[in-house]
Amino acid sequence: MSGRYITETEMRKLLRDAYAQDPEMSFLGQIGRNASDPAMPRDGNNRPRIHPLWLTLGLVTLFAMVVFFYFSFVK
């Protein structure tokens, strides 16, 4: 493809093929991409940010487990 022009139909086929591929093939990579914040996946230091709903769900679950263990074993 060096130096020649491509037609509109060829470009559409190439773009369709390029966008049909999933760039993330690993399972852990897909989990990481889905767990990240959709509005701002990376912070200023290029570290991944977790989705706010997952963070809230994790904190509520942790609080419920602490309350359960406190009333089950301490009392």
C-alpha atoms as a PDB file:
ATOM      1  CA  MET A   1       0.000   0.000   0.000  1.00  0.00           C
ATOM      2  CA  SER A   2       2.860   2.358  -0.513  1.00  0.00           C
ATOM      3  CA  GLY A   3       2.231   5.358  -2.721  1.00  0.00           C
ATOM      4  CA  ARG A   4      -1.160   4.401  -4.125  1.00  0.00           C
ATOM      5  CA  TYR A   5      -4.523   5.917  -3.442  1.00  0.00           C
ATOM      6  CA  ILE A   6      -7.291   3.790  -2.024  1.00  0.00           C
ATOM      7  CA  THR A   7     -10.926   4.096  -2.896  1.00  0.00           C
ATOM      8  CA  GLU A   8     -13.734   4.947  -0.539  1.00  0.00           C
ATOM      9  CA  THR A   9     -14.997   1.356  -0.466  1.00  0.00           C
ATOM     10  CA  GLU A  10     -11.525   0.023   0.297  1.00  0.00           C
ATOM     11  CA  MET A  11     -11.151   2.526   3.136  1.00  0.00           C
ATOM     12  CA  ARG A  12     -14.530   1.559   4.558  1.00  0.00           C
ATOM     13  CA  LYS A  13     -13.547  -2.118   4.479  1.00  0.00           C
ATOM     14  CA  LEU A  14     -10.209  -1.376   6.156  1.00  0.00           C
ATOM     15  CA  LEU A  15     -11.869   0.718   8.855  1.00  0.00           C
ATOM     16  CA  ARG A  16     -14.571  -1.896   9.416  1.00  0.00           C
ATOM     17  CA  ASP A  17     -11.907  -4.579   9.854  1.00  0.00           C
ATOM     18  CA  ALA A  18      -9.858  -2.386  12.191  1.00  0.00           C
ATOM     19  CA  TYR A  19     -12.803  -1.484  14.429  1.00  0.00           C
ATOM     20  CA  ALA A  20     -14.147  -5.045  14.483  1.00  0.00           C
ATOM     21  CA  GLN A  21     -11.120  -6.226  16.440  1.00  0.00           C
ATOM     22  CA  ASP A  22     -11.184  -6.013  20.221  1.00  0.00           C
ATOM     23  CA  PRO A  23      -7.888  -4.434  21.316  1.00  0.00           C
ATOM     24  CA  GLU A  24      -8.032  -6.086  24.747  1.00  0.00           C
ATOM     25  CA  MET A  25      -7.902  -9.854  24.438  1.00  0.00           C
ATOM     26  CA  SER A  26      -6.924 -10.779  27.979  1.00  0.00           C
ATOM     27  CA  PHE A  27      -9.595 -11.367  30.607  1.00  0.00           C
ATOM     28  CA  LEU A  28      -7.818  -9.291  33.266  1.00  0.00           C
ATOM     29  CA  GLY A  29      -7.378  -6.442  30.813  1.00  0.00           C
ATOM     30  CA  GLN A  30     -11.102  -6.414  30.093  1.00  0.00           C
ATOM     31  CA  ILE A  31     -11.929  -6.462  33.814  1.00  0.00           C
ATOM     32  CA  GLY A  32      -9.545  -3.567  34.406  1.00  0.00           C
ATOM     33  CA  ARG A  33     -11.007  -1.550  31.558  1.00  0.00           C
ATOM     34  CA  ASN A  34     -14.584  -2.131  32.765  1.00  0.00           C
ATOM     35  CA  ALA A  35     -13.732  -1.304  36.382  1.00  0.00           C
ATOM     36  CA  SER A  36     -12.112   2.014  35.529  1.00  0.00           C
ATOM     37  CA  ASP A  37     -13.856   5.367  35.737  1.00  0.00           C
ATOM     38  CA  PRO A  38     -15.442   6.089  32.339  1.00  0.00           C
ATOM     39  CA  ALA A  39     -15.205   9.886  32.703  1.00  0.00           C
ATOM     40  CA  MET A  40     -11.503   9.950  33.643  1.00  0.00           C
ATOM     41  CA  PRO A  41      -9.811   6.525  33.489  1.00  0.00           C
ATOM     42  CA  ARG A  42      -6.379   7.895  34.484  1.00  0.00           C
ATOM     43  CA  ASP A  43      -5.404  10.554  37.013  1.00  0.00           C
ATOM     44  CA  GLY A  44      -2.667  13.165  36.685  1.00  0.00           C
ATOM     45  CA  ASN A  45       0.080  10.638  37.508  1.00  0.00           C
ATOM     46  CA  ASN A  46      -1.229   8.164  34.889  1.00  0.00           C
ATOM     47  CA  ARG A  47      -2.586   5.799  37.548  1.00  0.00           C
ATOM     48  CA  PRO A  48      -5.894   4.025  36.914  1.00  0.00           C
ATOM     49  CA  ARG A  49      -8.970   5.378  38.704  1.00  0.00           C
ATOM     50  CA  ILE A  50     -11.672   2.984  39.881  1.00  0.00           C
ATOM     51  CA  HIS A  51     -15.298   3.536  38.905  1.00  0.00           C
ATOM     52  CA  PRO A  52     -17.164   5.446  41.674  1.00  0.00           C
ATOM     53  CA  LEU A  53     -19.979   2.885  41.793  1.00  0.00           C
ATOM     54  CA  TRP A  54     -17.532   0.008  42.337  1.00  0.00           C
ATOM     55  CA  LEU A  55     -15.803   2.025  45.054  1.00  0.00           C
ATOM     56  CA  THR A  56     -19.119   2.741  46.813  1.00  0.00           C
ATOM     57  CA  LEU A  57     -20.228  -0.882  46.529  1.00  0.00           C
ATOM     58  CA  GLY A  58     -16.911  -2.072  47.978  1.00  0.00           C
ATOM     59  CA  LEU A  59     -17.084   0.319  50.927  1.00  0.00           C
ATOM     60  CA  VAL A  60     -20.700  -0.623  51.742  1.00  0.00           C
ATOM     61  CA  THR A  61     -19.797  -4.323  51.552  1.00  0.00           C
ATOM     62  CA  LEU A  62     -16.780  -3.815  53.794  1.00  0.00           C
ATOM     63  CA  PHE A  63     -18.902  -1.904  56.330  1.00  0.00           C
ATOM     64  CA  ALA A  64     -21.564  -4.656  56.312  1.00  0.00           C
ATOM     65  CA  MET A  65     -18.918  -7.334  56.872  1.00  0.00           C
ATOM     66  CA  VAL A  66     -17.370  -5.407  59.794  1.00  0.00           C
ATOM     67  CA  VAL A  67     -20.805  -4.976  61.419  1.00  0.00           C
ATOM     68  CA  PHE A  68     -21.600  -8.665  60.874  1.00  0.00           C
ATOM     69  CA  PHE A  69     -18.323  -9.844  62.414  1.00  0.00           C
ATOM     70  CA  TYR A  70     -18.630  -7.420  65.303  1.00  0.00           C
ATOM     71  CA  PHE A  71     -22.104  -8.600  66.308  1.00  0.00           C
ATOM     72  CA  SER A  72     -21.299 -12.258  65.600  1.00  0.00           C
ATOM     73  CA  PHE A  73     -17.992 -12.712  67.401  1.00  0.00           C
ATOM     74  CA  VAL A  74     -17.293  -9.737  69.653  1.00  0.00           C
ATOM     75  CA  LYS A  75     -20.630  -9.486  71.385  1.00  0.00           C
END
